[in-house]
Amino acid sequence: MRLTLPVVKVLSVLLAEPDTERYGLDLMKLTNLPSGTLYPVLHRLKGAGWLEADWETIDPAVEGRPARRYYQLTANGATAARQALAELHALNRDARPVRGGAEPAGAPAW
């Protein structure tokens, strides 16, 4: 899975409460992503097996709204997401510039 910023945002929200089902508008609000960005991410995560999606069973006429599609990480998806985000965090930590003028360890001596 390619970890773009939108993917990281979605995974972070879903991992914050992995047992909670989220619907699209809820995810849009929590990630600040527009629908044109969010739904392709959800589709990719579902295709990778990291996410499951199910329609709620309601009568739209009774509820006064259309049925929502709820998304939740699969067990494998939650494990893979945690690992991917941990690896990304480690890469970012290792890539931070050294402050104070000293050469980073392993820097070439020119």
Protein backbone atom coordinates (compact mmCIF):
# COMPACT_ATOMS: atom_id res chain seq x y z
CA MET A 1 0.00 0.00 0.00
CA ARG A 2 1.40 3.39 -1.02
CA LEU A 3 1.17 5.68 2.00
CA THR A 4 0.11 9.04 0.64
CA LEU A 5 -0.94 11.76 3.06
CA PRO A 6 -4.66 11.02 2.47
CA VAL A 7 -4.08 7.30 3.14
CA VAL A 8 -2.20 8.12 6.34
CA LYS A 9 -5.04 10.40 7.48
CA VAL A 10 -7.68 7.74 6.84
CA LEU A 11 -5.66 4.98 8.50
CA SER A 12 -4.92 7.17 11.52
CA VAL A 13 -8.61 7.93 12.04
CA LEU A 14 -9.61 4.29 11.62
CA LEU A 15 -6.84 3.07 13.94
CA ALA A 16 -7.82 5.57 16.65
CA GLU A 17 -10.95 3.48 17.23
CA PRO A 18 -10.49 0.26 15.25
CA ASP A 19 -13.73 -1.32 16.50
CA THR A 20 -15.83 1.65 15.38
CA GLU A 21 -17.54 1.63 11.99
CA ARG A 22 -17.27 4.94 10.14
CA TYR A 23 -19.30 6.24 7.22
CA GLY A 24 -18.08 8.55 4.47
CA LEU A 25 -19.26 11.92 5.78
CA ASP A 26 -17.90 11.06 9.23
CA LEU A 27 -14.50 10.22 7.68
CA MET A 28 -14.55 13.38 5.58
CA LYS A 29 -15.04 15.50 8.72
CA LEU A 30 -12.40 13.64 10.74
CA THR A 31 -9.74 13.68 8.00
CA ASN A 32 -10.60 17.02 6.36
CA LEU A 33 -10.50 15.23 3.00
CA PRO A 34 -12.96 15.98 0.21
CA SER A 35 -15.09 13.14 -1.13
CA GLY A 36 -13.10 13.03 -4.38
CA THR A 37 -9.99 12.17 -2.37
CA LEU A 38 -11.55 10.07 0.39
CA TYR A 39 -13.54 7.57 -1.65
CA PRO A 40 -10.65 6.51 -3.92
CA VAL A 41 -8.57 5.92 -0.76
CA LEU A 42 -11.35 3.81 0.75
CA HIS A 43 -11.64 1.87 -2.52
CA ARG A 44 -7.88 1.16 -2.54
CA LEU A 45 -7.88 0.06 1.09
CA LYS A 46 -10.86 -2.21 0.47
CA GLY A 47 -9.19 -3.68 -2.62
CA ALA A 48 -6.05 -4.40 -0.60
CA GLY A 49 -8.13 -6.26 2.00
CA TRP A 50 -7.39 -3.72 4.73
CA LEU A 51 -10.97 -2.47 4.91
CA GLU A 52 -14.42 -3.95 4.86
CA ALA A 53 -17.52 -2.03 3.85
CA ASP A 54 -21.17 -2.81 4.48
CA TRP A 55 -24.38 -0.93 3.81
CA GLU A 56 -26.60 -0.32 6.81
CA THR A 57 -30.01 -1.90 6.64
CA ILE A 58 -32.53 0.87 7.06
CA ASP A 59 -35.66 2.02 5.30
CA PRO A 60 -34.61 5.37 3.81
CA ALA A 61 -38.24 6.56 3.76
CA VAL A 62 -38.57 5.94 7.51
CA GLU A 63 -35.14 7.37 8.39
CA GLY A 64 -35.47 10.33 6.04
CA ARG A 65 -31.99 9.77 4.60
CA PRO A 66 -30.21 7.32 2.33
CA ALA A 67 -28.53 4.25 3.76
CA ARG A 68 -24.92 4.77 4.82
CA ARG A 69 -22.01 2.59 3.84
CA TYR A 70 -19.91 1.85 6.90
CA TYR A 71 -16.16 1.17 6.76
CA GLN A 72 -14.00 -0.64 9.28
CA LEU A 73 -10.47 -2.03 9.24
CA THR A 74 -10.18 -5.79 8.96
CA ALA A 75 -8.02 -7.53 11.55
CA ASN A 76 -5.27 -7.95 8.95
CA GLY A 77 -5.79 -4.38 7.81
CA ALA A 78 -5.38 -3.01 11.32
CA THR A 79 -2.16 -4.98 11.77
CA ALA A 80 -0.81 -3.91 8.37
CA ALA A 81 -1.82 -0.28 8.97
CA ARG A 82 -0.10 -0.16 12.37
CA GLN A 83 3.06 -1.63 10.87
CA ALA A 84 3.01 0.70 7.85
CA LEU A 85 2.48 3.80 9.99
CA ALA A 86 5.21 2.70 12.42
CA GLU A 87 7.64 2.24 9.51
CA LEU A 88 6.70 5.65 8.13
CA HIS A 89 7.19 7.22 11.55
CA ALA A 90 10.61 5.57 11.83
CA LEU A 91 11.62 6.83 8.39
CA ASN A 92 10.57 10.37 9.28
CA ARG A 93 12.41 10.20 12.58
CA ASP A 94 15.60 9.00 10.86
CA ALA A 95 15.32 11.63 8.11
CA ARG A 96 15.11 14.65 10.41
CA PRO A 97 18.01 17.05 9.94
CA VAL A 98 20.63 17.28 12.63
CA ARG A 99 20.70 20.66 14.33
CA GLY A 100 23.65 22.40 15.92
CA GLY A 101 26.17 22.26 13.07
CA ALA A 102 27.57 18.79 13.75
CA GLU A 103 27.80 16.38 10.85
CA PRO A 104 25.35 13.49 11.08
CA ALA A 105 26.82 10.11 11.96
CA GLY A 106 27.99 8.37 8.81
CA ALA A 107 28.19 11.59 6.78
CA PRO A 108 30.91 11.56 4.15
CA ALA A 109 34.07 13.43 5.03
CA TRP A 110 34.71 15.75 2.02
